[in-house]
PDB file of N, CA and C in Angstrom:
ATOM      1  N   MET A   1      88.915 102.466 103.077  1.00  0.00           N
ATOM      2  CA  MET A   1      88.911 101.095 102.629  1.00  0.00           C
ATOM      3  C   MET A   1      88.136 100.265 103.650  1.00  0.00           C
ATOM      4  N   THR A   2      87.291  99.425 103.146  1.00  0.00           N
ATOM      5  CA  THR A   2      86.492  98.583 104.036  1.00  0.00           C
ATOM      6  C   THR A   2      87.331  97.408 104.542  1.00  0.00           C
ATOM      7  N   PRO A   3      86.960  96.873 105.696  1.00  0.00           N
ATOM      8  CA  PRO A   3      87.703  95.718 106.227  1.00  0.00           C
ATOM      9  C   PRO A   3      87.666  94.510 105.283  1.00  0.00           C
ATOM     10  N   GLN A   4      86.536  94.317 104.601  1.00  0.00           N
ATOM     11  CA  GLN A   4      86.432  93.192 103.672  1.00  0.00           C
ATOM     12  C   GLN A   4      87.429  93.344 102.514  1.00  0.00           C
ATOM     13  N   ARG A   5      87.544  94.550 102.012  1.00  0.00           N
ATOM     14  CA  ARG A   5      88.474  94.803 100.913  1.00  0.00           C
ATOM     15  C   ARG A   5      89.916  94.582 101.373  1.00  0.00           C
ATOM     16  N   ALA A   6      90.241  95.018 102.569  1.00  0.00           N
ATOM     17  CA  ALA A   6      91.582  94.815 103.102  1.00  0.00           C
ATOM     18  C   ALA A   6      91.885  93.327 103.258  1.00  0.00           C
ATOM     19  N   ILE A   7      90.912  92.565 103.753  1.00  0.00           N
ATOM     20  CA  ILE A   7      91.099  91.122 103.921  1.00  0.00           C
ATOM     21  C   ILE A   7      91.296  90.450 102.570  1.00  0.00           C
ATOM     22  N   ILE A   8      90.524  90.852 101.572  1.00  0.00           N
ATOM     23  CA  ILE A   8      90.669  90.287 100.228  1.00  0.00           C
ATOM     24  C   ILE A   8      92.056  90.604  99.667  1.00  0.00           C
ATOM     25  N   MET A   9      92.518  91.831  99.868  1.00  0.00           N
ATOM     26  CA  MET A   9      93.847  92.204  99.378  1.00  0.00           C
ATOM     27  C   MET A   9      94.933  91.376 100.063  1.00  0.00           C
ATOM     28  N   ILE A  10      94.812  91.166 101.354  1.00  0.00           N
ATOM     29  CA  ILE A  10      95.788  90.357 102.090  1.00  0.00           C
ATOM     30  C   ILE A  10      95.752  88.913 101.606  1.00  0.00           C
ATOM     31  N   LEU A  11      94.570  88.371 101.377  1.00  0.00           N
ATOM     32  CA  LEU A  11      94.457  86.995 100.885  1.00  0.00           C
ATOM     33  C   LEU A  11      95.065  86.844  99.494  1.00  0.00           C
ATOM     34  N   VAL A  12      94.811  87.799  98.613  1.00  0.00           N
ATOM     35  CA  VAL A  12      95.390  87.739  97.265  1.00  0.00           C
ATOM     36  C   VAL A  12      96.914  87.795  97.345  1.00  0.00           C
ATOM     37  N   ALA A  13      97.444  88.674  98.176  1.00  0.00           N
ATOM     38  CA  ALA A  13      98.896  88.760  98.340  1.00  0.00           C
ATOM     39  C   ALA A  13      99.460  87.459  98.910  1.00  0.00           C
ATOM     40  N   ALA A  14      98.754  86.861  99.865  1.00  0.00           N
ATOM     41  CA  ALA A  14      99.211  85.608 100.464  1.00  0.00           C
ATOM     42  C   ALA A  14      99.198  84.474  99.447  1.00  0.00           C
ATOM     43  N   VAL A  15      98.154  84.381  98.648  1.00  0.00           N
ATOM     44  CA  VAL A  15      98.072  83.329  97.629  1.00  0.00           C
ATOM     45  C   VAL A  15      99.177  83.513  96.586  1.00  0.00           C
ATOM     46  N   CYS A  16      99.395  84.736  96.146  1.00  0.00           N
ATOM     47  CA  CYS A  16     100.453  84.997  95.161  1.00  0.00           C
ATOM     48  C   CYS A  16     101.827  84.669  95.732  1.00  0.00           C
ATOM     49  N   THR A  17     102.081  85.041  96.972  1.00  0.00           N
ATOM     50  CA  THR A  17     103.352  84.723  97.611  1.00  0.00           C
ATOM     51  C   THR A  17     103.535  83.213  97.725  1.00  0.00           C
ATOM     52  N   PHE A  18     102.490  82.523  98.148  1.00  0.00           N
ATOM     53  CA  PHE A  18     102.552  81.069  98.273  1.00  0.00           C
ATOM     54  C   PHE A  18     102.797  80.418  96.915  1.00  0.00           C
ATOM     55  N   ALA A  19     102.135  80.920  95.882  1.00  0.00           N
ATOM     56  CA  ALA A  19     102.284  80.354  94.536  1.00  0.00           C
ATOM     57  C   ALA A  19     103.716  80.517  94.024  1.00  0.00           C
ATOM     58  N   THR A  20     104.315  81.666  94.288  1.00  0.00           N
ATOM     59  CA  THR A  20     105.698  81.856  93.827  1.00  0.00           C
ATOM     60  C   THR A  20     106.681  80.988  94.610  1.00  0.00           C
ATOM     61  N   ARG A  21     106.337  80.619  95.826  1.00  0.00           N
ATOM     62  CA  ARG A  21     107.205  79.739  96.620  1.00  0.00           C
ATOM     63  C   ARG A  21     107.041  78.276  96.197  1.00  0.00           C
ATOM     64  N   VAL A  22     105.853  77.886  95.773  1.00  0.00           N
ATOM     65  CA  VAL A  22     105.574  76.501  95.412  1.00  0.00           C
ATOM     66  C   VAL A  22     105.956  76.201  93.964  1.00  0.00           C
ATOM     67  N   ALA A  23     105.895  77.189  93.083  1.00  0.00           N
ATOM     68  CA  ALA A  23     106.122  76.981  91.650  1.00  0.00           C
ATOM     69  C   ALA A  23     107.441  76.269  91.333  1.00  0.00           C
ATOM     70  N   PRO A  24     108.578  76.641  91.919  1.00  0.00           N
ATOM     71  CA  PRO A  24     109.817  75.923  91.587  1.00  0.00           C
ATOM     72  C   PRO A  24     109.757  74.436  91.932  1.00  0.00           C
ATOM     73  N   PHE A  25     109.087  74.095  93.025  1.00  0.00           N
ATOM     74  CA  PHE A  25     108.998  72.689  93.405  1.00  0.00           C
ATOM     75  C   PHE A  25     108.101  71.912  92.447  1.00  0.00           C
ATOM     76  N   LEU A  26     107.099  72.576  91.893  1.00  0.00           N
ATOM     77  CA  LEU A  26     106.239  71.919  90.914  1.00  0.00           C
ATOM     78  C   LEU A  26     106.927  71.800  89.558  1.00  0.00           C
ATOM     79  N   LEU A  27     107.665  72.837  89.165  1.00  0.00           N
ATOM     80  CA  LEU A  27     108.339  72.820  87.867  1.00  0.00           C
ATOM     81  C   LEU A  27     109.579  71.927  87.865  1.00  0.00           C
ATOM     82  N   PHE A  28     110.332  71.951  88.942  1.00  0.00           N
ATOM     83  CA  PHE A  28     111.578  71.182  89.038  1.00  0.00           C
ATOM     84  C   PHE A  28     111.451  70.209  90.200  1.00  0.00           C
ATOM     85  N   ASN A  29     110.737  69.112  89.960  1.00  0.00           N
ATOM     86  CA  ASN A  29     110.400  68.196  91.041  1.00  0.00           C
ATOM     87  C   ASN A  29     111.488  67.162  91.337  1.00  0.00           C
ATOM     88  N   GLY A  30     112.643  67.262  90.735  1.00  0.00           N
ATOM     89  CA  GLY A  30     113.731  66.349  91.024  1.00  0.00           C
ATOM     90  C   GLY A  30     113.804  65.166  90.082  1.00  0.00           C
ATOM     91  N   LYS A  31     112.794  64.957  89.260  1.00  0.00           N
ATOM     92  CA  LYS A  31     112.801  63.829  88.325  1.00  0.00           C
ATOM     93  C   LYS A  31     113.627  64.140  87.079  1.00  0.00           C
ATOM     94  N   LYS A  32     113.649  65.409  86.698  1.00  0.00           N
ATOM     95  CA  LYS A  32     114.430  65.823  85.532  1.00  0.00           C
ATOM     96  C   LYS A  32     115.529  66.768  85.996  1.00  0.00           C
ATOM     97  N   PRO A  33     116.646  66.815  85.261  1.00  0.00           N
ATOM     98  CA  PRO A  33     117.702  67.767  85.648  1.00  0.00           C
ATOM     99  C   PRO A  33     117.252  69.208  85.417  1.00  0.00           C
ATOM    100  N   ILE A  34     117.792  70.089  86.243  1.00  0.00           N
ATOM    101  CA  ILE A  34     117.465  71.514  86.127  1.00  0.00           C
ATOM    102  C   ILE A  34     118.119  72.047  84.848  1.00  0.00           C
ATOM    103  N   PRO A  35     117.369  72.792  84.029  1.00  0.00           N
ATOM    104  CA  PRO A  35     117.944  73.332  82.792  1.00  0.00           C
ATOM    105  C   PRO A  35     119.148  74.235  83.090  1.00  0.00           C
ATOM    106  N   PRO A  36     120.143  74.225  82.214  1.00  0.00           N
ATOM    107  CA  PRO A  36     121.359  75.025  82.447  1.00  0.00           C
ATOM    108  C   PRO A  36     121.087  76.520  82.616  1.00  0.00           C
ATOM    109  N   ILE A  37     120.121  77.075  81.893  1.00  0.00           N
ATOM    110  CA  ILE A  37     119.835  78.509  82.017  1.00  0.00           C
ATOM    111  C   ILE A  37     119.305  78.836  83.414  1.00  0.00           C
ATOM    112  N   VAL A  38     118.493  77.948  83.970  1.00  0.00           N
ATOM    113  CA  VAL A  38     117.958  78.177  85.319  1.00  0.00           C
ATOM    114  C   VAL A  38     119.083  78.062  86.343  1.00  0.00           C
ATOM    115  N   ARG A  39     119.954  77.099  86.138  1.00  0.00           N
ATOM    116  CA  ARG A  39     121.108  76.948  87.040  1.00  0.00           C
ATOM    117  C   ARG A  39     122.003  78.189  86.975  1.00  0.00           C
ATOM    118  N   TYR A  40     122.234  78.701  85.754  1.00  0.00           N
ATOM    119  CA  TYR A  40     123.056  79.906  85.580  1.00  0.00           C
ATOM    120  C   TYR A  40     122.411  81.113  86.271  1.00  0.00           C
ATOM    121  N   LEU A  41     121.107  81.279  86.073  1.00  0.00           N
ATOM    122  CA  LEU A  41     120.412  82.407  86.707  1.00  0.00           C
ATOM    123  C   LEU A  41     120.470  82.302  88.227  1.00  0.00           C
ATOM    124  N   GLY A  42     120.390  81.097  88.750  1.00  0.00           N
ATOM    125  CA  GLY A  42     120.483  80.902  90.196  1.00  0.00           C
ATOM    126  C   GLY A  42     121.832  81.287  90.753  1.00  0.00           C
ATOM    127  N   GLU A  43     122.869  81.187  89.921  1.00  0.00           N
ATOM    128  CA  GLU A  43     124.211  81.563  90.363  1.00  0.00           C
ATOM    129  C   GLU A  43     124.516  83.034  90.109  1.00  0.00           C
ATOM    130  N   ALA A  44     123.989  83.590  89.012  1.00  0.00           N
ATOM    131  CA  ALA A  44     124.359  84.943  88.597  1.00  0.00           C
ATOM    132  C   ALA A  44     123.476  86.034  89.196  1.00  0.00           C
ATOM    133  N   LEU A  45     122.216  85.756  89.415  1.00  0.00           N
ATOM    134  CA  LEU A  45     121.308  86.817  89.852  1.00  0.00           C
ATOM    135  C   LEU A  45     121.528  87.314  91.282  1.00  0.00           C
ATOM    136  N   PRO A  46     121.769  86.459  92.278  1.00  0.00           N
ATOM    137  CA  PRO A  46     121.945  87.003  93.633  1.00  0.00           C
ATOM    138  C   PRO A  46     123.051  88.058  93.749  1.00  0.00           C
ATOM    139  N   PRO A  47     124.267  87.828  93.216  1.00  0.00           N
ATOM    140  CA  PRO A  47     125.271  88.895  93.305  1.00  0.00           C
ATOM    141  C   PRO A  47     124.879  90.143  92.509  1.00  0.00           C
ATOM    142  N   ALA A  48     124.183  89.947  91.389  1.00  0.00           N
ATOM    143  CA  ALA A  48     123.761  91.097  90.586  1.00  0.00           C
ATOM    144  C   ALA A  48     122.729  91.935  91.337  1.00  0.00           C
ATOM    145  N   VAL A  49     121.822  91.279  92.023  1.00  0.00           N
ATOM    146  CA  VAL A  49     120.806  92.004  92.793  1.00  0.00           C
ATOM    147  C   VAL A  49     121.455  92.754  93.953  1.00  0.00           C
ATOM    148  N   ILE A  50     122.402  92.138  94.628  1.00  0.00           N
ATOM    149  CA  ILE A  50     123.099  92.805  95.725  1.00  0.00           C
ATOM    150  C   ILE A  50     123.855  94.027  95.202  1.00  0.00           C
ATOM    151  N   ALA A  51     124.538  93.889  94.068  1.00  0.00           N
ATOM    152  CA  ALA A  51     125.252  95.030  93.485  1.00  0.00           C
ATOM    153  C   ALA A  51     124.281  96.149  93.129  1.00  0.00           C
ATOM    154  N   LEU A  52     123.134  95.795  92.592  1.00  0.00           N
ATOM    155  CA  LEU A  52     122.113  96.786  92.260  1.00  0.00           C
ATOM    156  C   LEU A  52     121.623  97.505  93.514  1.00  0.00           C
ATOM    157  N   LEU A  53     121.432  96.769  94.597  1.00  0.00           N
ATOM    158  CA  LEU A  53     120.985  97.383  95.854  1.00  0.00           C
ATOM    159  C   LEU A  53     122.043  98.322  96.426  1.00  0.00           C
ATOM    160  N   VAL A  54     123.304  97.958  96.315  1.00  0.00           N
ATOM    161  CA  VAL A  54     124.376  98.830  96.805  1.00  0.00           C
ATOM    162  C   VAL A  54     124.394 100.133  96.015  1.00  0.00           C
ATOM    163  N   VAL A  55     124.300 100.028  94.693  1.00  0.00           N
ATOM    164  CA  VAL A  55     124.275 101.236  93.854  1.00  0.00           C
ATOM    165  C   VAL A  55     123.066 102.093  94.209  1.00  0.00           C
ATOM    166  N   TYR A  56     121.910 101.460  94.396  1.00  0.00           N
ATOM    167  CA  TYR A  56     120.697 102.200  94.754  1.00  0.00           C
ATOM    168  C   TYR A  56     120.861 102.909  96.102  1.00  0.00           C
ATOM    169  N   CYS A  57     121.523 102.259  97.045  1.00  0.00           N
ATOM    170  CA  CYS A  57     121.690 102.846  98.376  1.00  0.00           C
ATOM    171  C   CYS A  57     122.614 104.059  98.383  1.00  0.00           C
ATOM    172  N   VAL A  58     123.570 104.120  97.480  1.00  0.00           N
ATOM    173  CA  VAL A  58     124.517 105.235  97.496  1.00  0.00           C
ATOM    174  C   VAL A  58     124.265 106.243  96.377  1.00  0.00           C
ATOM    175  N   LYS A  59     123.188 106.068  95.611  1.00  0.00           N
ATOM    176  CA  LYS A  59     122.946 106.957  94.472  1.00  0.00           C
ATOM    177  C   LYS A  59     122.647 108.396  94.880  1.00  0.00           C
ATOM    178  N   SER A  60     122.083 108.602  96.044  1.00  0.00           N
ATOM    179  CA  SER A  60     121.718 109.961  96.450  1.00  0.00           C
ATOM    180  C   SER A  60     122.661 110.552  97.496  1.00  0.00           C
ATOM    181  N   VAL A  61     123.802 109.917  97.701  1.00  0.00           N
ATOM    182  CA  VAL A  61     124.768 110.425  98.675  1.00  0.00           C
ATOM    183  C   VAL A  61     125.470 111.645  98.086  1.00  0.00           C
ATOM    184  N   ASN A  62     125.546 112.701  98.871  1.00  0.00           N
ATOM    185  CA  ASN A  62     126.295 113.885  98.467  1.00  0.00           C
ATOM    186  C   ASN A  62     127.728 113.702  98.961  1.00  0.00           C
ATOM    187  N   TRP A  63     128.611 113.287  98.049  1.00  0.00           N
ATOM    188  CA  TRP A  63     129.985 112.957  98.407  1.00  0.00           C
ATOM    189  C   TRP A  63     130.806 114.194  98.750  1.00  0.00           C
ATOM    190  N   LEU A  64     130.335 115.378  98.354  1.00  0.00           N
ATOM    191  CA  LEU A  64     131.091 116.597  98.586  1.00  0.00           C
ATOM    192  C   LEU A  64     130.731 117.296  99.896  1.00  0.00           C
ATOM    193  N   ALA A  65     129.623 116.906 100.504  1.00  0.00           N
ATOM    194  CA  ALA A  65     129.191 117.528 101.764  1.00  0.00           C
ATOM    195  C   ALA A  65     129.343 116.525 102.904  1.00  0.00           C
ATOM    196  N   ALA A  66     129.588 117.054 104.095  1.00  0.00           N
ATOM    197  CA  ALA A  66     129.727 116.193 105.272  1.00  0.00           C
ATOM    198  C   ALA A  66     128.441 115.407 105.465  1.00  0.00           C
ATOM    199  N   PRO A  67     128.512 114.203 105.842  1.00  0.00           N
ATOM    200  CA  PRO A  67     129.637 113.356 106.241  1.00  0.00           C
ATOM    201  C   PRO A  67     130.290 112.591 105.089  1.00  0.00           C
ATOM    202  N   HIS A  68     130.107 113.028 103.859  1.00  0.00           N
ATOM    203  CA  HIS A  68     130.788 112.481 102.685  1.00  0.00           C
ATOM    204  C   HIS A  68     130.530 110.989 102.467  1.00  0.00           C
ATOM    205  N   GLY A  69     129.353 110.523 102.830  1.00  0.00           N
ATOM    206  CA  GLY A  69     128.996 109.119 102.614  1.00  0.00           C
ATOM    207  C   GLY A  69     129.591 108.165 103.625  1.00  0.00           C
ATOM    208  N   ALA A  70     130.106 108.690 104.724  1.00  0.00           N
ATOM    209  CA  ALA A  70     130.744 107.836 105.731  1.00  0.00           C
ATOM    210  C   ALA A  70     129.800 106.780 106.301  1.00  0.00           C
ATOM    211  N   PRO A  71     128.562 107.119 106.703  1.00  0.00           N
ATOM    212  CA  PRO A  71     127.704 106.064 107.261  1.00  0.00           C
ATOM    213  C   PRO A  71     127.382 104.987 106.237  1.00  0.00           C
ATOM    214  N   GLU A  72     127.156 105.399 104.997  1.00  0.00           N
ATOM    215  CA  GLU A  72     126.827 104.421 103.959  1.00  0.00           C
ATOM    216  C   GLU A  72     128.001 103.478 103.693  1.00  0.00           C
ATOM    217  N   LEU A  73     129.195 104.048 103.527  1.00  0.00           N
ATOM    218  CA  LEU A  73     130.364 103.218 103.249  1.00  0.00           C
ATOM    219  C   LEU A  73     130.707 102.309 104.427  1.00  0.00           C
ATOM    220  N   LEU A  74     130.580 102.839 105.643  1.00  0.00           N
ATOM    221  CA  LEU A  74     130.840 102.028 106.825  1.00  0.00           C
ATOM    222  C   LEU A  74     129.876 100.847 106.912  1.00  0.00           C
ATOM    223  N   CYS A  75     128.612 101.111 106.675  1.00  0.00           N
ATOM    224  CA  CYS A  75     127.608 100.047 106.772  1.00  0.00           C
ATOM    225  C   CYS A  75     127.727  99.040 105.639  1.00  0.00           C
ATOM    226  N   ILE A  76     128.097  99.490 104.451  1.00  0.00           N
ATOM    227  CA  ILE A  76     128.342  98.553 103.353  1.00  0.00           C
ATOM    228  C   ILE A  76     129.505  97.635 103.721  1.00  0.00           C
ATOM    229  N   ALA A  77     130.549  98.197 104.288  1.00  0.00           N
ATOM    230  CA  ALA A  77     131.711  97.391 104.686  1.00  0.00           C
ATOM    231  C   ALA A  77     131.351  96.395 105.786  1.00  0.00           C
ATOM    232  N   VAL A  78     130.606  96.852 106.799  1.00  0.00           N
ATOM    233  CA  VAL A  78     130.198  95.960 107.893  1.00  0.00           C
ATOM    234  C   VAL A  78     129.316  94.844 107.354  1.00  0.00           C
ATOM    235  N   THR A  79     128.374  95.181 106.492  1.00  0.00           N
ATOM    236  CA  THR A  79     127.481  94.176 105.921  1.00  0.00           C
ATOM    237  C   THR A  79     128.275  93.151 105.113  1.00  0.00           C
ATOM    238  N   ALA A  80     129.190  93.618 104.277  1.00  0.00           N
ATOM    239  CA  ALA A  80     129.984  92.707 103.445  1.00  0.00           C
ATOM    240  C   ALA A  80     130.871  91.803 104.307  1.00  0.00           C
ATOM    241  N   LEU A  81     131.556  92.386 105.276  1.00  0.00           N
ATOM    242  CA  LEU A  81     132.435  91.586 106.129  1.00  0.00           C
ATOM    243  C   LEU A  81     131.656  90.570 106.959  1.00  0.00           C
ATOM    244  N   LEU A  82     130.524  90.997 107.487  1.00  0.00           N
ATOM    245  CA  LEU A  82     129.703  90.084 108.276  1.00  0.00           C
ATOM    246  C   LEU A  82     129.172  88.950 107.406  1.00  0.00           C
ATOM    247  N   HIS A  83     128.816  89.270 106.161  1.00  0.00           N
ATOM    248  CA  HIS A  83     128.318  88.224 105.270  1.00  0.00           C
ATOM    249  C   HIS A  83     129.429  87.246 104.877  1.00  0.00           C
ATOM    250  N   ILE A  84     130.616  87.762 104.626  1.00  0.00           N
ATOM    251  CA  ILE A  84     131.743  86.881 104.307  1.00  0.00           C
ATOM    252  C   ILE A  84     132.062  85.975 105.494  1.00  0.00           C
ATOM    253  N   TRP A  85     131.952  86.535 106.704  1.00  0.00           N
ATOM    254  CA  TRP A  85     132.277  85.772 107.903  1.00  0.00           C
ATOM    255  C   TRP A  85     131.218  84.720 108.220  1.00  0.00           C
ATOM    256  N   LYS A  86     129.938  85.118 108.254  1.00  0.00           N
ATOM    257  CA  LYS A  86     128.869  84.233 108.721  1.00  0.00           C
ATOM    258  C   LYS A  86     128.052  83.586 107.606  1.00  0.00           C
ATOM    259  N   ARG A  87     128.071  84.159 106.391  1.00  0.00           N
ATOM    260  CA  ARG A  87     127.276  83.645 105.262  1.00  0.00           C
ATOM    261  C   ARG A  87     125.788  83.549 105.603  1.00  0.00           C
ATOM    262  N   ASN A  88     125.280  84.588 106.252  1.00  0.00           N
ATOM    263  CA  ASN A  88     123.875  84.622 106.637  1.00  0.00           C
ATOM    264  C   ASN A  88     123.284  85.937 106.146  1.00  0.00           C
ATOM    265  N   ASN A  89     122.434  85.863 105.123  1.00  0.00           N
ATOM    266  CA  ASN A  89     121.865  87.076 104.523  1.00  0.00           C
ATOM    267  C   ASN A  89     121.083  87.905 105.535  1.00  0.00           C
ATOM    268  N   LEU A  90     120.211  87.242 106.282  1.00  0.00           N
ATOM    269  CA  LEU A  90     119.368  87.965 107.231  1.00  0.00           C
ATOM    270  C   LEU A  90     120.213  88.673 108.288  1.00  0.00           C
ATOM    271  N   LEU A  91     121.202  88.005 108.791  1.00  0.00           N
ATOM    272  CA  LEU A  91     122.070  88.601 109.815  1.00  0.00           C
ATOM    273  C   LEU A  91     122.844  89.792 109.257  1.00  0.00           C
ATOM    274  N   SER A  92     123.487  89.613 108.112  1.00  0.00           N
ATOM    275  CA  SER A  92     124.329  90.687 107.588  1.00  0.00           C
ATOM    276  C   SER A  92     123.508  91.895 107.165  1.00  0.00           C
ATOM    277  N   ILE A  93     122.394  91.672 106.488  1.00  0.00           N
ATOM    278  CA  ILE A  93     121.554  92.801 106.067  1.00  0.00           C
ATOM    279  C   ILE A  93     120.894  93.459 107.276  1.00  0.00           C
ATOM    280  N   GLY A  94     120.449  92.654 108.231  1.00  0.00           N
ATOM    281  CA  GLY A  94     119.813  93.200 109.433  1.00  0.00           C
ATOM    282  C   GLY A  94     120.766  94.055 110.250  1.00  0.00           C
ATOM    283  N   VAL A  95     121.976  93.546 110.489  1.00  0.00           N
ATOM    284  CA  VAL A  95     122.962  94.304 111.268  1.00  0.00           C
ATOM    285  C   VAL A  95     123.352  95.577 110.523  1.00  0.00           C
ATOM    286  N   GLY A  96     123.559  95.471 109.206  1.00  0.00           N
ATOM    287  CA  GLY A  96     123.906  96.658 108.417  1.00  0.00           C
ATOM    288  C   GLY A  96     122.829  97.719 108.472  1.00  0.00           C
ATOM    289  N   THR A  97     121.576  97.296 108.388  1.00  0.00           N
ATOM    290  CA  THR A  97     120.454  98.240 108.446  1.00  0.00           C
ATOM    291  C   THR A  97     120.348  98.895 109.812  1.00  0.00           C
ATOM    292  N   ILE A  98     120.437  98.096 110.857  1.00  0.00           N
ATOM    293  CA  ILE A  98     120.343  98.639 112.224  1.00  0.00           C
ATOM    294  C   ILE A  98     121.510  99.598 112.496  1.00  0.00           C
ATOM    295  N   LEU A  99     122.706  99.218 112.070  1.00  0.00           N
ATOM    296  CA  LEU A  99     123.861 100.101 112.252  1.00  0.00           C
ATOM    297  C   LEU A  99     123.668 101.411 111.501  1.00  0.00           C
ATOM    298  N   TYR A 100     123.172 101.343 110.279  1.00  0.00           N
ATOM    299  CA  TYR A 100     122.945 102.559 109.490  1.00  0.00           C
ATOM    300  C   TYR A 100     121.927 103.469 110.186  1.00  0.00           C
ATOM    301  N   MET A 101     120.822 102.890 110.648  1.00  0.00           N
ATOM    302  CA  MET A 101     119.800 103.697 111.336  1.00  0.00           C
ATOM    303  C   MET A 101     120.383 104.343 112.589  1.00  0.00           C
ATOM    304  N   TYR A 102     121.193 103.606 113.327  1.00  0.00           N
ATOM    305  CA  TYR A 102     121.823 104.165 114.518  1.00  0.00           C
ATOM    306  C   TYR A 102     122.761 105.316 114.153  1.00  0.00           C
ATOM    307  N   LEU A 103     123.595 105.099 113.147  1.00  0.00           N
ATOM    308  CA  LEU A 103     124.572 106.121 112.757  1.00  0.00           C
ATOM    309  C   LEU A 103     123.914 107.411 112.282  1.00  0.00           C
ATOM    310  N   VAL A 104     122.908 107.305 111.411  1.00  0.00           N
ATOM    311  CA  VAL A 104     122.316 108.534 110.852  1.00  0.00           C
ATOM    312  C   VAL A 104     121.391 109.231 111.856  1.00  0.00           C
ATOM    313  N   GLN A 105     120.939 108.520 112.887  1.00  0.00           N
ATOM    314  CA  GLN A 105     120.063 109.162 113.866  1.00  0.00           C
ATOM    315  C   GLN A 105     120.806 109.666 115.097  1.00  0.00           C
ATOM    316  N   ASN A 106     121.989 109.104 115.386  1.00  0.00           N
ATOM    317  CA  ASN A 106     122.686 109.473 116.609  1.00  0.00           C
ATOM    318  C   ASN A 106     124.085 110.030 116.403  1.00  0.00           C
ATOM    319  N   ILE A 107     124.808 109.563 115.430  1.00  0.00           N
ATOM    320  CA  ILE A 107     126.199 109.968 115.256  1.00  0.00           C
ATOM    321  C   ILE A 107     126.330 111.057 114.181  1.00  0.00           C
ATOM    322  N   PHE A 108     125.833 110.781 112.978  1.00  0.00           N
ATOM    323  CA  PHE A 108     125.937 111.731 111.862  1.00  0.00           C
ATOM    324  C   PHE A 108     124.640 112.527 111.724  1.00  0.00           C
ATOM    325  N   VAL A 109     124.309 113.275 112.742  1.00  0.00           N
ATOM    326  CA  VAL A 109     123.042 114.039 112.755  1.00  0.00           C
ATOM    327  C   VAL A 109     123.171 115.308 111.955  1.00  0.00           C
TER     328      VAL A 109
END
């Protein structure tokens, strides 16, 4: 891949990311009330996405062989408890990920 092509790809990704961040402010500028369906999706989708990610994370765990999903279950519990305590997505997901990497590389080898 040429450097020019890589730069173009990065610029396209940056513009698309910026557009998706700006679009809600352009569509819902505060002058009109937010439609009920959008409000509902804003409340319902985050927990649904988290549940989907949890299922995806444990889908390939072999529950019958050691360590029987122990690192996954431990990290899910730590992530959930930390999120309930601090209400910070980045902190809870980051700590859960780092703990999981530590456990599977050093403890449950």
